[in-house]
Structure formats: C-alpha cells, structure tokens
C-alpha cells in the first residue's frame, strides 16, 4: 500500500479516525491524504463542536452568514489543524464540495488510493433513514479496501 485516504468530518470521532488511519499509513510507509467533503451547508447547523485535534469549530454566529467559500476555508483550517496534530508534514489535505459518497470515491480513484479510512456514526432508526449510512454506501460502490472505524455513542 502506497497511499491511504482518510475522510474526516467534524465529529469528535474524527480524531480517532485520523490517528488510526495515519498510524496505518506510517507503519506501511504510505502517503496520507486527509479529505473533508463540504456538502449541504444546512448539515453544519446541527453540529455542536468540541475541540478536535486543535480545531475549535466555526467562528461564525450563524449558518445564514456563512457561504460555501467560508465553509471551504474553515475546512482547510480543520485539515491543517489535523495535520499538525498528527505531526505528518507530508500529509496532503484535500477539501472538495459535493455528495459525501461520490466525492470520497472520486478523490480515492483520482489519487490512486490503496485504502480508504472512514468512520461511522452508527446511526439508527429515523436518523439512519434520513441521513443514510455513508460507510455502507461506499462499501457497496468501491473496489478499494475500506477500513471503517465505528463511533459508538
């Protein structure tokens, strides 16, 4: 394995996902890519932030004042903080807009990733019906090995 793609969101479990994926990459002497996908801006309204790898969340008072450009800038800041936390100077950061599943798979294929590392929120019931399970969808569509790190709440 030469390249590992780690897809991160703003959930506190991102720290565990990043650390696990990066530890695997280091052990295999593989290049590492951190990816954050900016999807629907409304998604970011319902997230309560706690510090994740030195990133303290958005500094904007409300989603109405935020535009996609601001989300992308904050996403870059988040990945830069994650990179510093991991201590990997050669980590590549990528921020893309789009559907989570399609974008993760596209970035993995475009970068010839040998493994995708993601987390799962273990959604149940109505939340799962409404939001789906991204890890399941990726598993069904990818030919690239996938490591799913559970986040039990």
N, C-alpha and C. Protein backbone atom coordinates (compact mmCIF):
# COMPACT_ATOMS: atom_id res chain seq x y z
N UNK A 1 0.84 -1.18 0.00
CA UNK A 1 0.00 0.00 0.00
C UNK A 1 0.88 1.24 0.00
N UNK A 2 0.56 2.12 -0.95
CA UNK A 2 1.38 3.32 -1.11
C UNK A 2 0.66 4.61 -0.72
N UNK A 3 -0.68 4.57 -0.70
CA UNK A 3 -1.42 5.79 -0.43
C UNK A 3 -2.71 5.47 0.31
N UNK A 4 -2.95 6.19 1.42
CA UNK A 4 -4.15 5.99 2.23
C UNK A 4 -4.93 7.29 2.30
N UNK A 5 -6.20 7.21 1.97
CA UNK A 5 -7.11 8.35 2.03
C UNK A 5 -7.93 8.26 3.31
N UNK A 6 -7.89 9.31 4.11
CA UNK A 6 -8.65 9.36 5.36
C UNK A 6 -9.70 10.46 5.22
N UNK A 7 -10.96 10.06 5.21
CA UNK A 7 -12.06 11.02 5.08
C UNK A 7 -12.54 11.41 6.48
N UNK A 8 -12.56 12.72 6.74
CA UNK A 8 -12.90 13.23 8.06
C UNK A 8 -14.10 14.17 8.00
N UNK A 9 -14.93 14.11 9.04
CA UNK A 9 -15.96 15.12 9.23
C UNK A 9 -15.63 15.84 10.52
N UNK A 10 -16.55 16.68 11.00
CA UNK A 10 -16.28 17.47 12.20
C UNK A 10 -16.70 16.79 13.49
N UNK A 11 -17.09 15.55 13.44
CA UNK A 11 -17.47 14.83 14.65
C UNK A 11 -16.22 14.61 15.51
N UNK A 12 -16.36 14.64 16.83
CA UNK A 12 -15.18 14.39 17.68
C UNK A 12 -14.49 13.05 17.38
N UNK A 13 -15.19 12.10 16.79
CA UNK A 13 -14.57 10.83 16.43
C UNK A 13 -13.53 10.99 15.33
N UNK A 14 -13.49 12.15 14.68
CA UNK A 14 -12.52 12.39 13.61
C UNK A 14 -11.09 12.23 14.12
N UNK A 15 -10.86 12.58 15.37
CA UNK A 15 -9.52 12.44 15.94
C UNK A 15 -9.09 10.98 15.94
N UNK A 16 -9.96 10.10 16.41
CA UNK A 16 -9.66 8.67 16.44
C UNK A 16 -9.46 8.12 15.03
N UNK A 17 -10.30 8.56 14.11
CA UNK A 17 -10.22 8.09 12.72
C UNK A 17 -8.90 8.54 12.10
N UNK A 18 -8.55 9.82 12.28
CA UNK A 18 -7.31 10.35 11.72
C UNK A 18 -6.09 9.65 12.32
N UNK A 19 -6.09 9.48 13.63
CA UNK A 19 -4.95 8.84 14.29
C UNK A 19 -4.79 7.39 13.85
N UNK A 20 -5.88 6.67 13.74
CA UNK A 20 -5.81 5.27 13.32
C UNK A 20 -5.34 5.15 11.88
N UNK A 21 -5.94 5.93 10.99
CA UNK A 21 -5.54 5.89 9.58
C UNK A 21 -4.09 6.29 9.39
N UNK A 22 -3.66 7.34 10.10
CA UNK A 22 -2.28 7.80 9.97
C UNK A 22 -1.30 6.79 10.54
N UNK A 23 -1.65 6.11 11.63
CA UNK A 23 -0.78 5.08 12.20
C UNK A 23 -0.57 3.94 11.19
N UNK A 24 -1.63 3.57 10.50
CA UNK A 24 -1.51 2.53 9.47
C UNK A 24 -0.62 3.02 8.34
N UNK A 25 -0.83 4.25 7.90
CA UNK A 25 -0.02 4.80 6.82
C UNK A 25 1.46 4.85 7.21
N UNK A 26 1.74 5.29 8.44
CA UNK A 26 3.13 5.34 8.90
C UNK A 26 3.74 3.95 8.94
N UNK A 27 2.99 2.98 9.46
CA UNK A 27 3.51 1.61 9.56
C UNK A 27 3.81 1.03 8.17
N UNK A 28 3.01 1.43 7.19
CA UNK A 28 3.20 0.92 5.83
C UNK A 28 4.09 1.84 4.98
N UNK A 29 4.54 2.94 5.58
CA UNK A 29 5.31 3.97 4.87
C UNK A 29 4.55 4.45 3.63
N UNK A 30 3.25 4.64 3.82
CA UNK A 30 2.38 5.08 2.74
C UNK A 30 2.12 6.58 2.85
N UNK A 31 1.87 7.20 1.71
CA UNK A 31 1.47 8.60 1.70
C UNK A 31 0.07 8.70 2.30
N UNK A 32 -0.22 9.87 2.88
CA UNK A 32 -1.51 10.08 3.53
C UNK A 32 -2.21 11.29 2.93
N UNK A 33 -3.51 11.11 2.68
CA UNK A 33 -4.36 12.21 2.23
C UNK A 33 -5.48 12.36 3.24
N UNK A 34 -5.67 13.58 3.76
CA UNK A 34 -6.83 13.89 4.59
C UNK A 34 -7.84 14.58 3.69
N UNK A 35 -9.08 14.10 3.72
CA UNK A 35 -10.15 14.65 2.88
C UNK A 35 -11.31 15.10 3.75
N UNK A 36 -11.82 16.29 3.43
CA UNK A 36 -13.08 16.73 4.02
C UNK A 36 -13.99 17.14 2.87
N UNK A 37 -15.21 16.65 2.91
CA UNK A 37 -16.20 16.96 1.88
C UNK A 37 -17.19 17.97 2.44
N UNK A 38 -17.34 19.08 1.74
CA UNK A 38 -18.32 20.10 2.08
C UNK A 38 -19.57 19.79 1.27
N UNK A 39 -20.62 19.45 1.97
CA UNK A 39 -21.88 19.11 1.29
C UNK A 39 -22.87 20.25 1.50
N UNK A 40 -24.08 19.92 1.77
CA UNK A 40 -25.15 20.89 2.02
C UNK A 40 -24.80 21.74 3.23
N UNK A 41 -24.82 23.06 3.06
CA UNK A 41 -24.47 23.97 4.16
C UNK A 41 -25.35 23.76 5.39
N UNK A 42 -26.60 23.34 5.21
CA UNK A 42 -27.51 23.10 6.32
C UNK A 42 -27.03 22.00 7.24
N UNK A 43 -26.23 21.09 6.73
CA UNK A 43 -25.67 20.00 7.53
C UNK A 43 -24.88 20.54 8.72
N UNK A 44 -24.21 21.68 8.50
CA UNK A 44 -23.32 22.21 9.51
C UNK A 44 -24.06 22.93 10.64
N UNK A 45 -25.35 23.18 10.48
CA UNK A 45 -26.14 23.86 11.52
C UNK A 45 -26.31 23.00 12.76
N UNK A 46 -26.46 21.71 12.59
CA UNK A 46 -26.85 20.82 13.67
C UNK A 46 -25.67 20.22 14.43
N UNK A 47 -24.47 20.66 14.14
CA UNK A 47 -23.30 20.07 14.77
C UNK A 47 -22.87 20.92 15.95
N UNK A 48 -22.72 20.29 17.10
CA UNK A 48 -22.15 21.00 18.24
C UNK A 48 -20.67 20.63 18.27
N UNK A 49 -19.82 21.64 18.29
CA UNK A 49 -18.40 21.41 18.15
C UNK A 49 -17.71 21.33 19.50
N UNK A 50 -16.79 20.41 19.59
CA UNK A 50 -15.85 20.39 20.69
C UNK A 50 -14.49 20.31 20.03
N UNK A 51 -13.45 20.77 20.67
CA UNK A 51 -12.15 20.80 20.00
C UNK A 51 -11.75 19.43 19.47
N UNK A 52 -11.37 19.41 18.20
CA UNK A 52 -10.92 18.19 17.54
C UNK A 52 -9.53 18.47 17.00
N UNK A 53 -8.53 17.83 17.53
CA UNK A 53 -7.16 17.95 17.05
C UNK A 53 -6.74 19.41 16.92
N UNK A 54 -7.14 20.26 17.86
CA UNK A 54 -6.76 21.66 17.86
C UNK A 54 -7.69 22.56 17.08
N UNK A 55 -8.71 22.02 16.45
CA UNK A 55 -9.67 22.83 15.69
C UNK A 55 -10.88 23.07 16.58
N UNK A 56 -11.25 24.33 16.75
CA UNK A 56 -12.32 24.68 17.67
C UNK A 56 -13.66 24.93 17.02
N UNK A 57 -13.79 24.68 15.75
CA UNK A 57 -15.07 24.87 15.08
C UNK A 57 -15.17 26.22 14.43
N UNK A 58 -16.31 26.49 13.88
CA UNK A 58 -16.55 27.71 13.15
C UNK A 58 -16.61 28.91 14.08
N UNK A 59 -16.21 30.05 13.56
CA UNK A 59 -16.24 31.28 14.33
C UNK A 59 -17.42 32.15 13.93
N UNK A 60 -18.31 31.63 13.10
CA UNK A 60 -19.45 32.39 12.61
C UNK A 60 -20.65 32.21 13.53
N UNK A 61 -21.41 33.29 13.75
CA UNK A 61 -22.54 33.20 14.67
C UNK A 61 -23.73 32.42 14.12
N UNK A 62 -23.85 32.27 12.84
CA UNK A 62 -24.99 31.53 12.31
C UNK A 62 -24.77 31.10 10.89
N UNK A 63 -25.43 30.04 10.51
CA UNK A 63 -25.25 29.49 9.17
C UNK A 63 -25.69 30.47 8.10
N UNK A 64 -26.64 31.37 8.39
CA UNK A 64 -27.11 32.32 7.39
C UNK A 64 -25.99 33.24 6.92
N UNK A 65 -25.04 33.51 7.78
CA UNK A 65 -23.94 34.41 7.42
C UNK A 65 -22.81 33.69 6.71
N UNK A 66 -22.90 32.39 6.66
CA UNK A 66 -21.84 31.59 6.07
C UNK A 66 -22.15 31.28 4.62
N UNK A 67 -21.17 31.33 3.79
CA UNK A 67 -21.33 30.90 2.41
C UNK A 67 -20.38 29.74 2.20
N UNK A 68 -20.55 29.06 1.09
CA UNK A 68 -19.73 27.88 0.84
C UNK A 68 -18.24 28.23 0.88
N UNK A 69 -17.89 29.41 0.41
CA UNK A 69 -16.48 29.83 0.44
C UNK A 69 -15.94 29.81 1.87
N UNK A 70 -16.75 30.26 2.82
CA UNK A 70 -16.33 30.25 4.22
C UNK A 70 -16.21 28.82 4.75
N UNK A 71 -17.13 27.96 4.35
CA UNK A 71 -17.06 26.55 4.76
C UNK A 71 -15.78 25.90 4.25
N UNK A 72 -15.44 26.22 3.02
CA UNK A 72 -14.23 25.64 2.44
C UNK A 72 -12.99 26.14 3.17
N UNK A 73 -12.94 27.43 3.49
CA UNK A 73 -11.80 27.97 4.24
C UNK A 73 -11.69 27.29 5.60
N UNK A 74 -12.80 27.18 6.31
CA UNK A 74 -12.80 26.53 7.62
C UNK A 74 -12.41 25.05 7.50
N UNK A 75 -12.81 24.42 6.43
CA UNK A 75 -12.45 23.02 6.20
C UNK A 75 -10.95 22.87 6.01
N UNK A 76 -10.35 23.79 5.27
CA UNK A 76 -8.89 23.78 5.12
C UNK A 76 -8.21 23.98 6.47
N UNK A 77 -8.74 24.92 7.28
CA UNK A 77 -8.18 25.15 8.61
C UNK A 77 -8.28 23.89 9.47
N UNK A 78 -9.43 23.22 9.38
CA UNK A 78 -9.64 21.97 10.12
C UNK A 78 -8.60 20.92 9.73
N UNK A 79 -8.41 20.74 8.42
CA UNK A 79 -7.44 19.74 7.97
C UNK A 79 -6.01 20.15 8.32
N UNK A 80 -5.71 21.44 8.27
CA UNK A 80 -4.38 21.90 8.69
C UNK A 80 -4.14 21.60 10.17
N UNK A 81 -5.14 21.83 11.01
CA UNK A 81 -5.03 21.50 12.43
C UNK A 81 -4.86 20.00 12.63
N UNK A 82 -5.59 19.23 11.85
CA UNK A 82 -5.49 17.76 11.93
C UNK A 82 -4.09 17.30 11.54
N UNK A 83 -3.57 17.87 10.48
CA UNK A 83 -2.22 17.54 10.01
C UNK A 83 -1.19 17.86 11.10
N UNK A 84 -1.30 19.03 11.72
CA UNK A 84 -0.38 19.40 12.80
C UNK A 84 -0.50 18.44 13.97
N UNK A 85 -1.73 18.09 14.32
CA UNK A 85 -1.97 17.17 15.42
C UNK A 85 -1.29 15.83 15.17
N UNK A 86 -1.38 15.36 13.94
CA UNK A 86 -0.79 14.07 13.58
C UNK A 86 0.73 14.14 13.45
N UNK A 87 1.26 15.34 13.18
CA UNK A 87 2.69 15.51 13.05
C UNK A 87 3.25 15.00 11.74
N UNK A 88 2.40 14.88 10.76
CA UNK A 88 2.84 14.39 9.46
C UNK A 88 2.98 15.53 8.47
N UNK A 89 4.19 16.00 8.28
CA UNK A 89 4.40 17.14 7.38
C UNK A 89 4.11 16.81 5.92
N UNK A 90 4.18 15.54 5.56
CA UNK A 90 3.95 15.15 4.17
C UNK A 90 2.49 14.80 3.90
N UNK A 91 1.62 15.03 4.84
CA UNK A 91 0.20 14.74 4.65
C UNK A 91 -0.37 15.75 3.65
N UNK A 92 -1.12 15.24 2.70
CA UNK A 92 -1.80 16.11 1.73
C UNK A 92 -3.24 16.34 2.20
N UNK A 93 -3.68 17.58 2.15
CA UNK A 93 -5.05 17.92 2.53
C UNK A 93 -5.85 18.24 1.28
N UNK A 94 -7.07 17.70 1.23
CA UNK A 94 -7.97 17.98 0.11
C UNK A 94 -9.34 18.32 0.67
N UNK A 95 -9.90 19.42 0.19
CA UNK A 95 -11.27 19.80 0.51
C UNK A 95 -12.02 19.86 -0.80
N UNK A 96 -13.15 19.18 -0.85
CA UNK A 96 -13.99 19.14 -2.06
C UNK A 96 -15.43 19.41 -1.68
N UNK A 97 -16.18 19.91 -2.64
CA UNK A 97 -17.61 20.09 -2.49
C UNK A 97 -18.32 18.94 -3.18
N UNK A 98 -19.47 18.52 -2.62
CA UNK A 98 -20.27 17.51 -3.30
C UNK A 98 -20.89 16.52 -2.35
N UNK A 99 -21.46 15.50 -2.94
CA UNK A 99 -22.05 14.40 -2.20
C UNK A 99 -20.93 13.63 -1.50
N UNK A 100 -21.16 13.26 -0.25
CA UNK A 100 -20.13 12.58 0.52
C UNK A 100 -19.60 11.33 -0.19
N UNK A 101 -20.48 10.43 -0.53
CA UNK A 101 -20.07 9.15 -1.10
C UNK A 101 -19.37 9.34 -2.44
N UNK A 102 -20.02 10.04 -3.35
CA UNK A 102 -19.44 10.23 -4.69
C UNK A 102 -18.09 10.92 -4.61
N UNK A 103 -17.98 11.93 -3.76
CA UNK A 103 -16.74 12.70 -3.68
C UNK A 103 -15.62 11.87 -3.06
N UNK A 104 -15.91 11.13 -2.02
CA UNK A 104 -14.88 10.27 -1.41
C UNK A 104 -14.37 9.26 -2.42
N UNK A 105 -15.27 8.63 -3.14
CA UNK A 105 -14.86 7.64 -4.14
C UNK A 105 -14.09 8.27 -5.29
N UNK A 106 -14.54 9.42 -5.75
CA UNK A 106 -13.84 10.11 -6.84
C UNK A 106 -12.43 10.51 -6.43
N UNK A 107 -12.29 11.11 -5.26
CA UNK A 107 -10.96 11.52 -4.79
C UNK A 107 -10.06 10.30 -4.60
N UNK A 108 -10.59 9.22 -4.06
CA UNK A 108 -9.81 8.00 -3.88
C UNK A 108 -9.31 7.48 -5.22
N UNK A 109 -10.19 7.45 -6.21
CA UNK A 109 -9.79 6.95 -7.53
C UNK A 109 -8.82 7.89 -8.23
N UNK A 110 -9.08 9.20 -8.18
CA UNK A 110 -8.20 10.18 -8.84
C UNK A 110 -6.79 10.17 -8.24
N UNK A 111 -6.69 9.84 -6.97
CA UNK A 111 -5.39 9.84 -6.29
C UNK A 111 -4.78 8.46 -6.13
N UNK A 112 -5.40 7.46 -6.77
CA UNK A 112 -4.90 6.09 -6.73
C UNK A 112 -4.70 5.59 -5.30
N UNK A 113 -5.68 5.87 -4.46
CA UNK A 113 -5.61 5.43 -3.06
C UNK A 113 -5.67 3.91 -3.00
N UNK A 114 -4.87 3.35 -2.11
CA UNK A 114 -4.86 1.91 -1.90
C UNK A 114 -5.78 1.49 -0.77
N UNK A 115 -6.22 2.47 0.05
CA UNK A 115 -7.14 2.20 1.14
C UNK A 115 -7.88 3.49 1.47
N UNK A 116 -9.15 3.33 1.84
CA UNK A 116 -9.96 4.45 2.33
C UNK A 116 -10.25 4.18 3.80
N UNK A 117 -10.04 5.19 4.64
CA UNK A 117 -10.35 5.08 6.06
C UNK A 117 -11.45 6.08 6.37
N UNK A 118 -12.55 5.59 6.93
CA UNK A 118 -13.67 6.45 7.30
C UNK A 118 -14.22 6.01 8.65
N UNK A 119 -15.05 6.84 9.21
CA UNK A 119 -15.74 6.49 10.45
C UNK A 119 -17.21 6.29 10.16
N UNK A 120 -17.87 5.69 11.12
CA UNK A 120 -19.31 5.55 11.02
C UNK A 120 -19.92 6.07 12.31
N UNK A 121 -21.07 6.72 12.17
CA UNK A 121 -21.74 7.28 13.34
C UNK A 121 -22.73 6.31 13.95
N UNK A 122 -22.83 5.13 13.40
CA UNK A 122 -23.73 4.10 13.92
C UNK A 122 -25.14 4.63 14.11
N UNK A 123 -25.62 5.30 13.08
CA UNK A 123 -26.99 5.85 13.15
C UNK A 123 -28.00 4.73 13.18
N UNK A 124 -29.12 5.03 13.81
CA UNK A 124 -30.20 4.06 13.91
C UNK A 124 -31.53 4.75 13.63
N UNK A 125 -32.50 3.96 13.33
CA UNK A 125 -33.87 4.43 13.21
C UNK A 125 -34.06 5.52 12.17
N UNK A 126 -34.80 6.55 12.56
CA UNK A 126 -35.16 7.63 11.65
C UNK A 126 -33.92 8.38 11.16
N UNK A 127 -32.95 8.59 12.04
CA UNK A 127 -31.73 9.28 11.64
C UNK A 127 -31.03 8.54 10.51
N UNK A 128 -30.98 7.23 10.60
CA UNK A 128 -30.35 6.43 9.55
C UNK A 128 -31.16 6.49 8.26
N UNK A 129 -32.47 6.46 8.39
CA UNK A 129 -33.34 6.52 7.22
C UNK A 129 -33.17 7.86 6.50
N UNK A 130 -33.11 8.95 7.26
CA UNK A 130 -33.00 10.27 6.67
C UNK A 130 -31.59 10.58 6.15
N UNK A 131 -30.58 10.19 6.91
CA UNK A 131 -29.20 10.54 6.56
C UNK A 131 -28.46 9.42 5.85
N UNK A 132 -28.98 8.22 5.91
CA UNK A 132 -28.30 7.11 5.27
C UNK A 132 -27.05 6.71 6.03
N UNK A 133 -26.37 5.73 5.51
CA UNK A 133 -25.13 5.28 6.10
C UNK A 133 -24.05 5.38 5.04
N UNK A 134 -23.24 6.40 5.15
CA UNK A 134 -22.22 6.69 4.15
C UNK A 134 -21.25 5.53 4.00
N UNK A 135 -20.83 4.94 5.12
CA UNK A 135 -19.87 3.84 5.04
C UNK A 135 -20.44 2.64 4.29
N UNK A 136 -21.71 2.34 4.51
CA UNK A 136 -22.34 1.24 3.76
C UNK A 136 -22.38 1.52 2.28
N UNK A 137 -22.73 2.75 1.92
CA UNK A 137 -22.80 3.13 0.51
C UNK A 137 -21.43 3.05 -0.16
N UNK A 138 -20.40 3.51 0.54
CA UNK A 138 -19.05 3.43 -0.01
C UNK A 138 -18.65 1.97 -0.19
N UNK A 139 -18.93 1.15 0.80
CA UNK A 139 -18.59 -0.26 0.73
C UNK A 139 -19.23 -0.93 -0.48
N UNK A 140 -20.48 -0.58 -0.76
CA UNK A 140 -21.19 -1.18 -1.90
C UNK A 140 -20.62 -0.74 -3.24
N UNK A 141 -20.03 0.46 -3.28
CA UNK A 141 -19.60 1.01 -4.56
C UNK A 141 -18.11 0.93 -4.84
N UNK A 142 -17.29 0.69 -3.84
CA UNK A 142 -15.84 0.76 -4.05
C UNK A 142 -15.21 -0.60 -4.34
N UNK A 143 -14.08 -0.54 -5.02
CA UNK A 143 -13.23 -1.72 -5.20
C UNK A 143 -11.95 -1.56 -4.39
N UNK A 144 -11.83 -0.41 -3.73
CA UNK A 144 -10.66 -0.10 -2.92
C UNK A 144 -10.91 -0.63 -1.50
N UNK A 145 -9.92 -1.25 -0.87
CA UNK A 145 -10.09 -1.69 0.51
C UNK A 145 -10.56 -0.53 1.39
N UNK A 146 -11.48 -0.84 2.29
CA UNK A 146 -12.11 0.16 3.13
C UNK A 146 -11.99 -0.24 4.60
N UNK A 147 -11.47 0.69 5.41
CA UNK A 147 -11.43 0.49 6.85
C UNK A 147 -12.46 1.42 7.46
N UNK A 148 -13.44 0.84 8.14
CA UNK A 148 -14.49 1.61 8.78
C UNK A 148 -14.27 1.54 10.28
N UNK A 149 -14.13 2.71 10.88
CA UNK A 149 -13.88 2.80 12.32
C UNK A 149 -15.18 3.18 13.00
N UNK A 150 -15.73 2.31 13.84
CA UNK A 150 -17.01 2.61 14.48
C UNK A 150 -16.91 3.71 15.52
N UNK A 151 -17.96 4.48 15.60
CA UNK A 151 -18.07 5.51 16.63
C UNK A 151 -19.34 5.23 17.39
N UNK A 152 -19.22 4.49 18.44
CA UNK A 152 -20.38 4.13 19.27
C UNK A 152 -20.69 5.28 20.21
N UNK A 153 -21.98 5.66 20.25
CA UNK A 153 -22.39 6.73 21.16
C UNK A 153 -23.22 6.19 22.28
